[in-house]
C-alpha atoms as a PDB file:
ATOM      1  CA  UNK A   1     119.605 106.722  54.556  1.00  0.00           C
ATOM      2  CA  UNK A   2     115.795 107.883  54.994  1.00  0.00           C
ATOM      3  CA  UNK A   3     113.704 106.311  57.521  1.00  0.00           C
ATOM      4  CA  UNK A   4     110.828 104.149  56.289  1.00  0.00           C
ATOM      5  CA  UNK A   5     107.416 105.466  57.094  1.00  0.00           C
ATOM      6  CA  UNK A   6     105.802 103.659  59.729  1.00  0.00           C
ATOM      7  CA  UNK A   7     102.575 103.508  61.462  1.00  0.00           C
ATOM      8  CA  UNK A   8     102.931 103.457  65.444  1.00  0.00           C
ATOM      9  CA  UNK A   9     101.044 105.289  67.369  1.00  0.00           C
ATOM     10  CA  UNK A  10     104.009 107.305  68.646  1.00  0.00           C
ATOM     11  CA  UNK A  11     104.759 108.130  65.100  1.00  0.00           C
ATOM     12  CA  UNK A  12     101.078 108.961  64.393  1.00  0.00           C
ATOM     13  CA  UNK A  13     101.228 111.108  67.367  1.00  0.00           C
ATOM     14  CA  UNK A  14     104.652 112.792  66.012  1.00  0.00           C
ATOM     15  CA  UNK A  15     103.142 113.547  62.669  1.00  0.00           C
ATOM     16  CA  UNK A  16      99.935 114.796  64.216  1.00  0.00           C
ATOM     17  CA  UNK A  17     101.710 117.357  66.348  1.00  0.00           C
ATOM     18  CA  UNK A  18     103.931 118.423  63.412  1.00  0.00           C
ATOM     19  CA  UNK A  19     100.997 119.231  61.615  1.00  0.00           C
ATOM     20  CA  UNK A  20      99.608 121.577  64.399  1.00  0.00           C
ATOM     21  CA  UNK A  21     103.072 123.120  64.554  1.00  0.00           C
ATOM     22  CA  UNK A  22     103.079 123.689  60.898  1.00  0.00           C
ATOM     23  CA  UNK A  23      99.670 125.618  61.290  1.00  0.00           C
ATOM     24  CA  UNK A  24     101.039 128.179  64.089  1.00  0.00           C
ATOM     25  CA  UNK A  25     104.927 128.232  64.425  1.00  0.00           C
ATOM     26  CA  UNK A  26     107.737 129.121  62.312  1.00  0.00           C
ATOM     27  CA  UNK A  27     110.297 126.644  61.154  1.00  0.00           C
ATOM     28  CA  UNK A  28     113.051 128.687  63.071  1.00  0.00           C
ATOM     29  CA  UNK A  29     112.234 127.748  66.650  1.00  0.00           C
ATOM     30  CA  UNK A  30     114.937 129.268  68.839  1.00  0.00           C
ATOM     31  CA  UNK A  31     114.484 127.459  71.979  1.00  0.00           C
ATOM     32  CA  UNK A  32     113.192 123.584  73.194  1.00  0.00           C
ATOM     33  CA  UNK A  33     109.682 123.335  73.877  1.00  0.00           C
ATOM     34  CA  UNK A  34     108.136 120.607  75.745  1.00  0.00           C
ATOM     35  CA  UNK A  35     104.408 119.665  75.371  1.00  0.00           C
ATOM     36  CA  UNK A  36     102.133 117.261  76.806  1.00  0.00           C
ATOM     37  CA  UNK A  37      99.566 115.245  74.469  1.00  0.00           C
ATOM     38  CA  UNK A  38      96.040 114.224  75.298  1.00  0.00           C
ATOM     39  CA  UNK A  39      94.617 111.575  72.738  1.00  0.00           C
ATOM     40  CA  UNK A  40      90.735 112.541  72.468  1.00  0.00           C
ATOM     41  CA  UNK A  41      89.934 110.510  69.180  1.00  0.00           C
ATOM     42  CA  UNK A  42      92.822 107.828  68.007  1.00  0.00           C
ATOM     43  CA  UNK A  43      90.808 107.239  64.723  1.00  0.00           C
ATOM     44  CA  UNK A  44      90.813 111.119  64.042  1.00  0.00           C
ATOM     45  CA  UNK A  45      94.326 111.505  65.046  1.00  0.00           C
ATOM     46  CA  UNK A  46      95.611 109.015  62.179  1.00  0.00           C
ATOM     47  CA  UNK A  47      93.780 111.431  59.581  1.00  0.00           C
ATOM     48  CA  UNK A  48      95.681 114.439  61.504  1.00  0.00           C
ATOM     49  CA  UNK A  49      92.330 116.198  62.444  1.00  0.00           C
ATOM     50  CA  UNK A  50      93.047 119.207  64.450  1.00  0.00           C
ATOM     51  CA  UNK A  51      90.370 118.008  67.381  1.00  0.00           C
ATOM     52  CA  UNK A  52      91.717 114.357  67.688  1.00  0.00           C
ATOM     53  CA  UNK A  53      94.133 115.315  70.550  1.00  0.00           C
ATOM     54  CA  UNK A  54      94.972 118.559  72.580  1.00  0.00           C
ATOM     55  CA  UNK A  55      98.591 120.051  73.128  1.00  0.00           C
ATOM     56  CA  UNK A  56      99.385 121.681  76.378  1.00  0.00           C
ATOM     57  CA  UNK A  57     102.570 123.654  76.341  1.00  0.00           C
ATOM     58  CA  UNK A  58     104.632 122.811  79.456  1.00  0.00           C
ATOM     59  CA  UNK A  59     107.596 125.217  79.041  1.00  0.00           C
ATOM     60  CA  UNK A  60     110.681 126.131  77.163  1.00  0.00           C
ATOM     61  CA  UNK A  61     114.375 126.064  77.425  1.00  0.00           C
ATOM     62  CA  UNK A  62     117.208 127.199  76.066  1.00  0.00           C
ATOM     63  CA  UNK A  63     119.406 124.487  76.641  1.00  0.00           C
ATOM     64  CA  UNK A  64     118.526 120.502  76.578  1.00  0.00           C
ATOM     65  CA  UNK A  65     120.061 119.864  80.018  1.00  0.00           C
ATOM     66  CA  UNK A  66     117.953 122.523  81.515  1.00  0.00           C
ATOM     67  CA  UNK A  67     115.131 120.035  80.858  1.00  0.00           C
ATOM     68  CA  UNK A  68     116.482 117.560  83.290  1.00  0.00           C
ATOM     69  CA  UNK A  69     115.837 119.315  86.354  1.00  0.00           C
ATOM     70  CA  UNK A  70     112.689 121.158  85.302  1.00  0.00           C
ATOM     71  CA  UNK A  71     109.573 121.111  87.416  1.00  0.00           C
ATOM     72  CA  UNK A  72     107.454 120.767  83.965  1.00  0.00           C
ATOM     73  CA  UNK A  73     108.585 117.434  83.608  1.00  0.00           C
ATOM     74  CA  UNK A  74     106.349 116.132  86.731  1.00  0.00           C
ATOM     75  CA  UNK A  75     103.578 117.175  84.568  1.00  0.00           C
ATOM     76  CA  UNK A  76     104.107 114.445  81.870  1.00  0.00           C
ATOM     77  CA  UNK A  77     102.276 111.783  83.927  1.00  0.00           C
ATOM     78  CA  UNK A  78      98.980 113.678  83.476  1.00  0.00           C
ATOM     79  CA  UNK A  79      99.478 112.981  79.414  1.00  0.00           C
ATOM     80  CA  UNK A  80      99.099 110.358  77.081  1.00  0.00           C
ATOM     81  CA  UNK A  81     102.381 111.334  75.311  1.00  0.00           C
ATOM     82  CA  UNK A  82     105.154 114.027  75.452  1.00  0.00           C
ATOM     83  CA  UNK A  83     106.645 115.991  72.349  1.00  0.00           C
ATOM     84  CA  UNK A  84     109.579 117.926  72.135  1.00  0.00           C
ATOM     85  CA  UNK A  85     109.784 121.019  69.399  1.00  0.00           C
ATOM     86  CA  UNK A  86     113.282 121.672  67.957  1.00  0.00           C
ATOM     87  CA  UNK A  87     114.798 123.929  65.235  1.00  0.00           C
ATOM     88  CA  UNK A  88     117.923 122.474  64.067  1.00  0.00           C
ATOM     89  CA  UNK A  89     120.019 122.585  61.047  1.00  0.00           C
ATOM     90  CA  UNK A  90     119.801 118.856  59.640  1.00  0.00           C
ATOM     91  CA  UNK A  91     121.510 116.964  56.990  1.00  0.00           C
ATOM     92  CA  UNK A  92     119.538 116.943  53.706  1.00  0.00           C
ATOM     93  CA  UNK A  93     119.735 113.277  52.696  1.00  0.00           C
ATOM     94  CA  UNK A  94     118.055 114.139  49.397  1.00  0.00           C
ATOM     95  CA  UNK A  95     120.620 116.626  48.179  1.00  0.00           C
ATOM     96  CA  UNK A  96     123.967 115.214  47.115  1.00  0.00           C
ATOM     97  CA  UNK A  97     127.183 117.162  48.102  1.00  0.00           C
ATOM     98  CA  UNK A  98     129.855 117.761  45.806  1.00  0.00           C
ATOM     99  CA  UNK A  99     133.079 115.504  45.825  1.00  0.00           C
ATOM    100  CA  UNK A 100     134.971 116.871  48.937  1.00  0.00           C
ATOM    101  CA  UNK A 101     132.313 119.023  50.020  1.00  0.00           C
ATOM    102  CA  UNK A 102     130.383 118.861  53.352  1.00  0.00           C
ATOM    103  CA  UNK A 103     126.900 117.471  53.424  1.00  0.00           C
ATOM    104  CA  UNK A 104     124.104 119.983  52.682  1.00  0.00           C
ATOM    105  CA  UNK A 105     122.565 121.059  55.967  1.00  0.00           C
ATOM    106  CA  UNK A 106     118.934 122.724  55.785  1.00  0.00           C
ATOM    107  CA  UNK A 107     116.878 124.451  58.620  1.00  0.00           C
ATOM    108  CA  UNK A 108     114.320 122.085  59.797  1.00  0.00           C
ATOM    109  CA  UNK A 109     111.785 121.822  62.239  1.00  0.00           C
ATOM    110  CA  UNK A 110     112.099 118.643  64.626  1.00  0.00           C
ATOM    111  CA  UNK A 111     108.981 117.194  66.541  1.00  0.00           C
ATOM    112  CA  UNK A 112     109.860 114.139  68.654  1.00  0.00           C
ATOM    113  CA  UNK A 113     107.231 112.267  70.404  1.00  0.00           C
ATOM    114  CA  UNK A 114     107.662 109.753  73.174  1.00  0.00           C
ATOM    115  CA  UNK A 115     104.692 107.540  74.839  1.00  0.00           C
ATOM    116  CA  UNK A 116     104.816 104.108  76.327  1.00  0.00           C
ATOM    117  CA  UNK A 117     105.213 102.505  72.708  1.00  0.00           C
ATOM    118  CA  UNK A 118     108.309 104.133  72.012  1.00  0.00           C
ATOM    119  CA  UNK A 119     109.932 107.409  70.470  1.00  0.00           C
ATOM    120  CA  UNK A 120     109.305 108.787  66.852  1.00  0.00           C
ATOM    121  CA  UNK A 121     110.458 111.901  65.037  1.00  0.00           C
ATOM    122  CA  UNK A 122     108.881 113.986  62.133  1.00  0.00           C
ATOM    123  CA  UNK A 123     111.171 116.616  60.168  1.00  0.00           C
ATOM    124  CA  UNK A 124     109.887 119.498  58.070  1.00  0.00           C
ATOM    125  CA  UNK A 125     112.508 121.387  56.092  1.00  0.00           C
ATOM    126  CA  UNK A 126     112.081 124.998  55.210  1.00  0.00           C
ATOM    127  CA  UNK A 127     113.108 124.169  51.582  1.00  0.00           C
ATOM    128  CA  UNK A 128     110.355 121.676  51.417  1.00  0.00           C
ATOM    129  CA  UNK A 129     107.883 122.940  53.772  1.00  0.00           C
ATOM    130  CA  UNK A 130     105.068 120.981  52.281  1.00  0.00           C
ATOM    131  CA  UNK A 131     106.682 117.381  52.889  1.00  0.00           C
ATOM    132  CA  UNK A 132     107.266 116.498  56.294  1.00  0.00           C
ATOM    133  CA  UNK A 133     109.087 113.037  56.755  1.00  0.00           C
ATOM    134  CA  UNK A 134     109.441 110.596  59.415  1.00  0.00           C
ATOM    135  CA  UNK A 135     112.819 110.202  60.765  1.00  0.00           C
ATOM    136  CA  UNK A 136     114.371 107.898  63.125  1.00  0.00           C
ATOM    137  CA  UNK A 137     114.356 109.228  66.629  1.00  0.00           C
ATOM    138  CA  UNK A 138     117.738 109.382  67.442  1.00  0.00           C
ATOM    139  CA  UNK A 139     120.373 111.754  69.232  1.00  0.00           C
ATOM    140  CA  UNK A 140     120.404 113.554  72.376  1.00  0.00           C
ATOM    141  CA  UNK A 141     117.032 114.971  72.374  1.00  0.00           C
ATOM    142  CA  UNK A 142     115.415 111.712  71.707  1.00  0.00           C
ATOM    143  CA  UNK A 143     117.178 110.038  74.572  1.00  0.00           C
ATOM    144  CA  UNK A 144     116.386 112.677  76.917  1.00  0.00           C
ATOM    145  CA  UNK A 145     112.798 112.770  76.169  1.00  0.00           C
ATOM    146  CA  UNK A 146     112.375 108.956  76.437  1.00  0.00           C
ATOM    147  CA  UNK A 147     114.166 109.310  79.767  1.00  0.00           C
ATOM    148  CA  UNK A 148     111.753 112.031  80.809  1.00  0.00           C
ATOM    149  CA  UNK A 149     108.769 110.079  79.954  1.00  0.00           C
ATOM    150  CA  UNK A 150     109.933 106.826  81.698  1.00  0.00           C
ATOM    151  CA  UNK A 151     110.837 108.961  85.126  1.00  0.00           C
ATOM    152  CA  UNK A 152     107.320 110.686  85.036  1.00  0.00           C
ATOM    153  CA  UNK A 153     105.496 107.409  84.381  1.00  0.00           C
ATOM    154  CA  UNK A 154     107.146 105.819  87.630  1.00  0.00           C
END
């Protein structure tokens, strides 16, 4: 089931960040990258204007568990939102698998955003690179990001 497109501030940040990564980053990301986001113009953020916010690279780890003890997480308190960039193989819900076969998986870049309003995700598949889509922010990465965000904001 495909998630409906939402217009929450968190989803807008995820969409904006994914648009920035699409300009400079390959879809096949090998590590897990953590960024801080400072919103400069909320109105321009909706339009995905490049100058609407600033992305600050905080660090990269090979394993998600390494984020839990990383010093870079302490920096999140200085930002309006946190963004996690991950490369994954995801089930393509638009492609129907043959009977008895496994679901079709495709290379994708997943951008998770977290702020005080919650967590949101935007996914861009390699075979449909011009069509990013909002997804439900579920799974281990979303849980770790929201946990780190809450811990940093205390």
